[in-house]
Amino acid sequence: MYRSEISKPQLENPNLIERLVVIILPNYFYEYESVLQHLVKEKFGIVEKSVKNFKPEDVLEWKSADLESQDIWGFSDRLSDGPCMLLLCQRANAFIEMTGVARYHNAIANRFVELKKQ
């Protein structure tokens, strides 16, 4: 996901419509329909929705790029684990609102992963 830096008054401007790409990783503990319903409930417009199977060579460029953070390495490995859902969403203050949605669904997915390990 790419986000340009903008000032706080612009960030909280309800007239500024932001678009972002949401990637739901191929984790069997994410419920795609639940995520979609949550996005609609939070007034995200879903402009486009698709499913993509990333191959290891698709994400190889990311791993070879000179990135500030190497967190992308683990992320890129997870992308090629299976089908990912890609959503192009839009709304005012999209990045702020997406934080809550992502935290909620990541927490659920992580709980299922922990239960599976037991």
N, C-alpha and C. Protein backbone atom coordinates (compact mmCIF):
# COMPACT_ATOMS: atom_id res chain seq x y z
N MET A 1 0.86 -1.17 0.00
CA MET A 1 0.00 0.00 0.00
C MET A 1 0.90 1.23 0.00
N TYR A 2 0.57 2.19 -0.80
CA TYR A 2 1.36 3.41 -0.90
C TYR A 2 0.56 4.57 -0.34
N ARG A 3 1.20 5.39 0.42
CA ARG A 3 0.54 6.58 0.97
C ARG A 3 1.52 7.74 0.92
N SER A 4 1.11 8.82 0.31
CA SER A 4 1.97 10.00 0.30
C SER A 4 1.77 10.76 1.61
N GLU A 5 2.78 11.49 2.01
CA GLU A 5 2.69 12.27 3.24
C GLU A 5 1.86 13.52 2.99
N ILE A 6 0.90 13.76 3.85
CA ILE A 6 0.09 14.97 3.77
C ILE A 6 -0.05 15.56 5.16
N SER A 7 -0.36 16.83 5.23
CA SER A 7 -0.43 17.50 6.53
C SER A 7 -1.70 17.11 7.28
N LYS A 8 -1.70 17.30 8.59
CA LYS A 8 -2.82 16.91 9.44
C LYS A 8 -4.14 17.57 9.02
N PRO A 9 -4.19 18.88 8.71
CA PRO A 9 -5.47 19.45 8.28
C PRO A 9 -6.02 18.77 7.02
N GLN A 10 -5.14 18.42 6.10
CA GLN A 10 -5.60 17.71 4.90
C GLN A 10 -6.06 16.31 5.26
N LEU A 11 -5.33 15.66 6.16
CA LEU A 11 -5.63 14.29 6.54
C LEU A 11 -7.03 14.17 7.13
N GLU A 12 -7.46 15.17 7.88
CA GLU A 12 -8.76 15.12 8.53
C GLU A 12 -9.84 15.85 7.73
N ASN A 13 -9.59 16.14 6.49
CA ASN A 13 -10.54 16.83 5.63
C ASN A 13 -11.57 15.82 5.12
N PRO A 14 -12.86 15.98 5.48
CA PRO A 14 -13.87 15.02 5.05
C PRO A 14 -14.14 15.07 3.55
N ASN A 15 -13.66 16.10 2.87
CA ASN A 15 -13.86 16.19 1.42
C ASN A 15 -12.74 15.54 0.62
N LEU A 16 -11.69 15.11 1.30
CA LEU A 16 -10.57 14.47 0.63
C LEU A 16 -10.87 12.97 0.52
N ILE A 17 -11.13 12.53 -0.68
CA ILE A 17 -11.42 11.11 -0.90
C ILE A 17 -10.11 10.42 -1.25
N GLU A 18 -9.77 9.42 -0.45
CA GLU A 18 -8.55 8.66 -0.67
C GLU A 18 -8.91 7.30 -1.25
N ARG A 19 -8.04 6.80 -2.07
CA ARG A 19 -8.19 5.45 -2.59
C ARG A 19 -7.02 4.62 -2.07
N LEU A 20 -7.30 3.38 -1.74
CA LEU A 20 -6.24 2.50 -1.29
C LEU A 20 -6.53 1.09 -1.74
N VAL A 21 -5.48 0.32 -1.86
CA VAL A 21 -5.61 -1.09 -2.21
C VAL A 21 -5.50 -1.89 -0.92
N VAL A 22 -6.48 -2.73 -0.69
CA VAL A 22 -6.50 -3.60 0.48
C VAL A 22 -6.18 -5.00 -0.02
N ILE A 23 -5.22 -5.64 0.62
CA ILE A 23 -4.86 -7.01 0.26
C ILE A 23 -5.24 -7.90 1.44
N ILE A 24 -6.13 -8.84 1.18
CA ILE A 24 -6.46 -9.83 2.20
C ILE A 24 -5.59 -11.04 1.90
N LEU A 25 -4.66 -11.30 2.80
CA LEU A 25 -3.67 -12.36 2.58
C LEU A 25 -4.32 -13.73 2.52
N PRO A 26 -3.64 -14.69 1.88
CA PRO A 26 -4.18 -16.04 1.78
C PRO A 26 -4.05 -16.78 3.10
N ASN A 27 -4.87 -16.41 4.03
CA ASN A 27 -4.89 -17.00 5.36
C ASN A 27 -6.28 -17.56 5.55
N TYR A 28 -6.38 -18.83 5.79
CA TYR A 28 -7.70 -19.44 5.86
C TYR A 28 -8.51 -18.98 7.07
N PHE A 29 -7.91 -18.17 7.93
CA PHE A 29 -8.60 -17.68 9.11
C PHE A 29 -9.25 -16.32 8.89
N TYR A 30 -9.01 -15.70 7.73
CA TYR A 30 -9.73 -14.47 7.38
C TYR A 30 -11.03 -14.88 6.70
N GLU A 31 -12.12 -14.27 7.11
CA GLU A 31 -13.39 -14.53 6.46
C GLU A 31 -13.64 -13.38 5.49
N TYR A 32 -13.46 -13.66 4.21
CA TYR A 32 -13.54 -12.61 3.19
C TYR A 32 -14.85 -11.83 3.26
N GLU A 33 -15.97 -12.56 3.39
CA GLU A 33 -17.27 -11.88 3.41
C GLU A 33 -17.41 -10.98 4.63
N SER A 34 -16.86 -11.41 5.75
CA SER A 34 -16.91 -10.60 6.96
C SER A 34 -16.12 -9.31 6.78
N VAL A 35 -14.96 -9.40 6.14
CA VAL A 35 -14.14 -8.21 5.88
C VAL A 35 -14.89 -7.27 4.94
N LEU A 36 -15.48 -7.81 3.88
CA LEU A 36 -16.24 -6.98 2.94
C LEU A 36 -17.40 -6.28 3.63
N GLN A 37 -18.15 -7.01 4.45
CA GLN A 37 -19.28 -6.40 5.17
C GLN A 37 -18.80 -5.29 6.10
N HIS A 38 -17.68 -5.52 6.77
CA HIS A 38 -17.13 -4.52 7.69
C HIS A 38 -16.74 -3.25 6.92
N LEU A 39 -16.11 -3.42 5.76
CA LEU A 39 -15.73 -2.26 4.94
C LEU A 39 -16.95 -1.46 4.51
N VAL A 40 -18.00 -2.14 4.09
CA VAL A 40 -19.23 -1.46 3.67
C VAL A 40 -19.86 -0.75 4.86
N LYS A 41 -19.86 -1.42 6.01
CA LYS A 41 -20.42 -0.81 7.24
C LYS A 41 -19.67 0.47 7.61
N GLU A 42 -18.37 0.49 7.37
CA GLU A 42 -17.55 1.66 7.68
C GLU A 42 -17.55 2.68 6.53
N LYS A 43 -18.48 2.49 5.60
CA LYS A 43 -18.71 3.43 4.49
C LYS A 43 -17.55 3.51 3.49
N PHE A 44 -16.86 2.39 3.31
CA PHE A 44 -15.86 2.31 2.25
C PHE A 44 -16.58 1.97 0.96
N GLY A 45 -16.25 2.68 -0.09
CA GLY A 45 -16.74 2.30 -1.40
C GLY A 45 -15.78 1.29 -1.99
N ILE A 46 -16.29 0.17 -2.44
CA ILE A 46 -15.44 -0.84 -3.07
C ILE A 46 -15.53 -0.62 -4.57
N VAL A 47 -14.47 -0.06 -5.12
CA VAL A 47 -14.43 0.31 -6.53
C VAL A 47 -14.21 -0.92 -7.40
N GLU A 48 -13.32 -1.78 -6.95
CA GLU A 48 -13.00 -2.98 -7.73
C GLU A 48 -12.57 -4.09 -6.79
N LYS A 49 -12.89 -5.32 -7.15
CA LYS A 49 -12.55 -6.48 -6.33
C LYS A 49 -12.05 -7.57 -7.26
N SER A 50 -10.93 -8.18 -6.89
CA SER A 50 -10.42 -9.30 -7.69
C SER A 50 -9.64 -10.25 -6.80
N VAL A 51 -9.40 -11.43 -7.32
CA VAL A 51 -8.61 -12.44 -6.61
C VAL A 51 -7.38 -12.73 -7.47
N LYS A 52 -6.23 -12.80 -6.82
CA LYS A 52 -4.99 -13.04 -7.57
C LYS A 52 -4.16 -14.09 -6.85
N ASN A 53 -3.63 -15.00 -7.62
CA ASN A 53 -2.66 -15.96 -7.10
C ASN A 53 -1.27 -15.44 -7.45
N PHE A 54 -0.56 -14.93 -6.46
CA PHE A 54 0.80 -14.46 -6.69
C PHE A 54 1.74 -15.65 -6.73
N LYS A 55 2.62 -15.65 -7.68
CA LYS A 55 3.64 -16.69 -7.77
C LYS A 55 4.90 -16.15 -7.09
N PRO A 56 5.77 -17.04 -6.61
CA PRO A 56 6.99 -16.55 -5.95
C PRO A 56 7.78 -15.56 -6.81
N GLU A 57 7.80 -15.78 -8.12
CA GLU A 57 8.54 -14.85 -8.99
C GLU A 57 7.85 -13.49 -9.10
N ASP A 58 6.52 -13.45 -8.84
CA ASP A 58 5.80 -12.17 -8.86
C ASP A 58 6.28 -11.23 -7.76
N VAL A 59 6.64 -11.79 -6.62
CA VAL A 59 7.03 -10.96 -5.48
C VAL A 59 8.55 -10.87 -5.31
N LEU A 60 9.28 -11.52 -6.18
CA LEU A 60 10.74 -11.52 -6.09
C LEU A 60 11.33 -10.12 -6.21
N GLU A 61 10.72 -9.29 -7.06
CA GLU A 61 11.21 -7.92 -7.22
C GLU A 61 11.14 -7.14 -5.91
N TRP A 62 10.09 -7.37 -5.15
CA TRP A 62 9.94 -6.67 -3.87
C TRP A 62 11.08 -7.02 -2.95
N LYS A 63 11.45 -8.32 -2.96
CA LYS A 63 12.50 -8.77 -2.06
C LYS A 63 13.87 -8.26 -2.49
N SER A 64 14.04 -8.00 -3.77
CA SER A 64 15.34 -7.53 -4.24
C SER A 64 15.44 -6.01 -4.23
N ALA A 65 14.34 -5.33 -3.98
CA ALA A 65 14.35 -3.86 -3.96
C ALA A 65 15.09 -3.37 -2.71
N ASP A 66 15.67 -2.20 -2.82
CA ASP A 66 16.35 -1.57 -1.69
C ASP A 66 15.29 -0.85 -0.87
N LEU A 67 14.73 -1.56 0.08
CA LEU A 67 13.61 -1.02 0.87
C LEU A 67 14.09 -0.53 2.22
N GLU A 68 13.37 0.47 2.74
CA GLU A 68 13.71 0.99 4.07
C GLU A 68 13.46 -0.07 5.14
N SER A 69 12.42 -0.84 4.96
CA SER A 69 12.05 -1.84 5.95
C SER A 69 12.09 -3.22 5.31
N GLN A 70 12.65 -4.16 6.00
CA GLN A 70 12.68 -5.53 5.48
C GLN A 70 11.43 -6.31 5.88
N ASP A 71 10.45 -5.63 6.50
CA ASP A 71 9.18 -6.29 6.83
C ASP A 71 8.51 -6.82 5.57
N ILE A 72 8.80 -6.21 4.45
CA ILE A 72 8.19 -6.62 3.18
C ILE A 72 8.60 -8.03 2.81
N TRP A 73 9.76 -8.50 3.32
CA TRP A 73 10.21 -9.86 3.00
C TRP A 73 9.21 -10.89 3.48
N GLY A 74 8.84 -10.84 4.74
CA GLY A 74 7.87 -11.79 5.27
C GLY A 74 6.51 -11.63 4.62
N PHE A 75 6.15 -10.39 4.37
CA PHE A 75 4.87 -10.10 3.72
C PHE A 75 4.84 -10.71 2.32
N SER A 76 5.90 -10.54 1.57
CA SER A 76 5.93 -11.05 0.19
C SER A 76 5.90 -12.58 0.18
N ASP A 77 6.52 -13.22 1.15
CA ASP A 77 6.45 -14.68 1.24
C ASP A 77 5.02 -15.14 1.47
N ARG A 78 4.28 -14.43 2.30
CA ARG A 78 2.90 -14.81 2.60
C ARG A 78 1.97 -14.59 1.41
N LEU A 79 2.30 -13.64 0.55
CA LEU A 79 1.47 -13.38 -0.63
C LEU A 79 1.39 -14.59 -1.55
N SER A 80 2.47 -15.35 -1.64
CA SER A 80 2.51 -16.47 -2.57
C SER A 80 2.00 -17.77 -1.95
N ASP A 81 1.40 -17.71 -0.76
CA ASP A 81 0.86 -18.90 -0.10
C ASP A 81 -0.46 -19.38 -0.69
N GLY A 82 -1.12 -18.56 -1.47
CA GLY A 82 -2.42 -18.95 -2.03
C GLY A 82 -3.11 -17.73 -2.60
N PRO A 83 -4.42 -17.85 -2.85
CA PRO A 83 -5.14 -16.71 -3.45
C PRO A 83 -5.30 -15.55 -2.47
N CYS A 84 -5.05 -14.34 -2.97
CA CYS A 84 -5.24 -13.11 -2.20
C CYS A 84 -6.43 -12.37 -2.78
N MET A 85 -7.19 -11.72 -1.92
CA MET A 85 -8.25 -10.86 -2.42
C MET A 85 -7.71 -9.44 -2.45
N LEU A 86 -7.86 -8.78 -3.59
CA LEU A 86 -7.42 -7.40 -3.77
C LEU A 86 -8.64 -6.52 -3.91
N LEU A 87 -8.70 -5.48 -3.11
CA LEU A 87 -9.83 -4.55 -3.14
C LEU A 87 -9.32 -3.14 -3.36
N LEU A 88 -9.90 -2.45 -4.31
CA LEU A 88 -9.63 -1.02 -4.47
C LEU A 88 -10.78 -0.31 -3.77
N CYS A 89 -10.47 0.38 -2.68
CA CYS A 89 -11.49 1.02 -1.85
C CYS A 89 -11.29 2.53 -1.85
N GLN A 90 -12.36 3.24 -1.54
CA GLN A 90 -12.24 4.69 -1.41
C GLN A 90 -13.20 5.20 -0.35
N ARG A 91 -12.81 6.28 0.28
CA ARG A 91 -13.64 7.02 1.23
C ARG A 91 -12.82 8.17 1.79
N ALA A 92 -13.47 9.08 2.46
CA ALA A 92 -12.76 10.16 3.15
C ALA A 92 -12.02 9.55 4.34
N ASN A 93 -10.82 10.03 4.58
CA ASN A 93 -9.99 9.55 5.70
C ASN A 93 -9.83 8.03 5.68
N ALA A 94 -9.60 7.49 4.52
CA ALA A 94 -9.55 6.03 4.34
C ALA A 94 -8.46 5.37 5.18
N PHE A 95 -7.28 5.98 5.24
CA PHE A 95 -6.18 5.34 5.95
C PHE A 95 -6.44 5.29 7.45
N ILE A 96 -7.04 6.34 7.98
CA ILE A 96 -7.36 6.36 9.41
C ILE A 96 -8.39 5.28 9.73
N GLU A 97 -9.45 5.21 8.94
CA GLU A 97 -10.53 4.26 9.21
C GLU A 97 -10.10 2.82 8.94
N MET A 98 -9.21 2.61 7.99
CA MET A 98 -8.77 1.25 7.67
C MET A 98 -7.98 0.64 8.81
N THR A 99 -7.33 1.45 9.61
CA THR A 99 -6.56 0.94 10.73
C THR A 99 -7.43 0.11 11.66
N GLY A 100 -8.60 0.62 12.01
CA GLY A 100 -9.50 -0.11 12.90
C GLY A 100 -10.01 -1.40 12.29
N VAL A 101 -10.36 -1.36 11.02
CA VAL A 101 -10.85 -2.55 10.33
C VAL A 101 -9.75 -3.62 10.30
N ALA A 102 -8.55 -3.22 9.93
CA ALA A 102 -7.43 -4.17 9.84
C ALA A 102 -7.09 -4.77 11.20
N ARG A 103 -7.03 -3.94 12.23
CA ARG A 103 -6.72 -4.46 13.57
C ARG A 103 -7.73 -5.50 14.01
N TYR A 104 -9.00 -5.23 13.78
CA TYR A 104 -10.08 -6.14 14.20
C TYR A 104 -9.92 -7.50 13.52
N HIS A 105 -9.77 -7.52 12.21
CA HIS A 105 -9.71 -8.79 11.48
C HIS A 105 -8.37 -9.49 11.67
N ASN A 106 -7.29 -8.74 11.84
CA ASN A 106 -6.00 -9.37 12.14
C ASN A 106 -6.03 -10.05 13.50
N ALA A 107 -6.69 -9.43 14.47
CA ALA A 107 -6.79 -10.02 15.81
C ALA A 107 -7.55 -11.34 15.76
N ILE A 108 -8.64 -11.38 15.01
CA ILE A 108 -9.42 -12.61 14.87
C ILE A 108 -8.57 -13.70 14.20
N ALA A 109 -7.91 -13.35 13.11
CA ALA A 109 -7.08 -14.32 12.38
C ALA A 109 -5.95 -14.84 13.27
N ASN A 110 -5.32 -13.96 14.03
CA ASN A 110 -4.23 -14.38 14.91
C ASN A 110 -4.71 -15.29 16.02
N ARG A 111 -5.93 -15.06 16.54
CA ARG A 111 -6.48 -15.95 17.57
C ARG A 111 -6.68 -17.36 17.01
N PHE A 112 -7.19 -17.46 15.79
CA PHE A 112 -7.38 -18.77 15.17
C PHE A 112 -6.05 -19.48 14.95
N VAL A 113 -5.04 -18.73 14.56
CA VAL A 113 -3.71 -19.31 14.35
C VAL A 113 -3.18 -19.86 15.66
N GLU A 114 -3.33 -19.10 16.74
CA GLU A 114 -2.87 -19.56 18.06
C GLU A 114 -3.63 -20.80 18.51
N LEU A 115 -4.94 -20.84 18.28
CA LEU A 115 -5.73 -22.01 18.65
C LEU A 115 -5.28 -23.24 17.87
N LYS A 116 -4.96 -23.04 16.62
CA LYS A 116 -4.53 -24.16 15.77
C LYS A 116 -3.20 -24.72 16.26
N LYS A 117 -2.32 -23.87 16.79
CA LYS A 117 -1.01 -24.31 17.28
C LYS A 117 -1.14 -25.17 18.53
N GLN A 118 -2.22 -25.00 19.27
CA GLN A 118 -2.37 -25.72 20.55
C GLN A 118 -2.74 -27.15 20.37
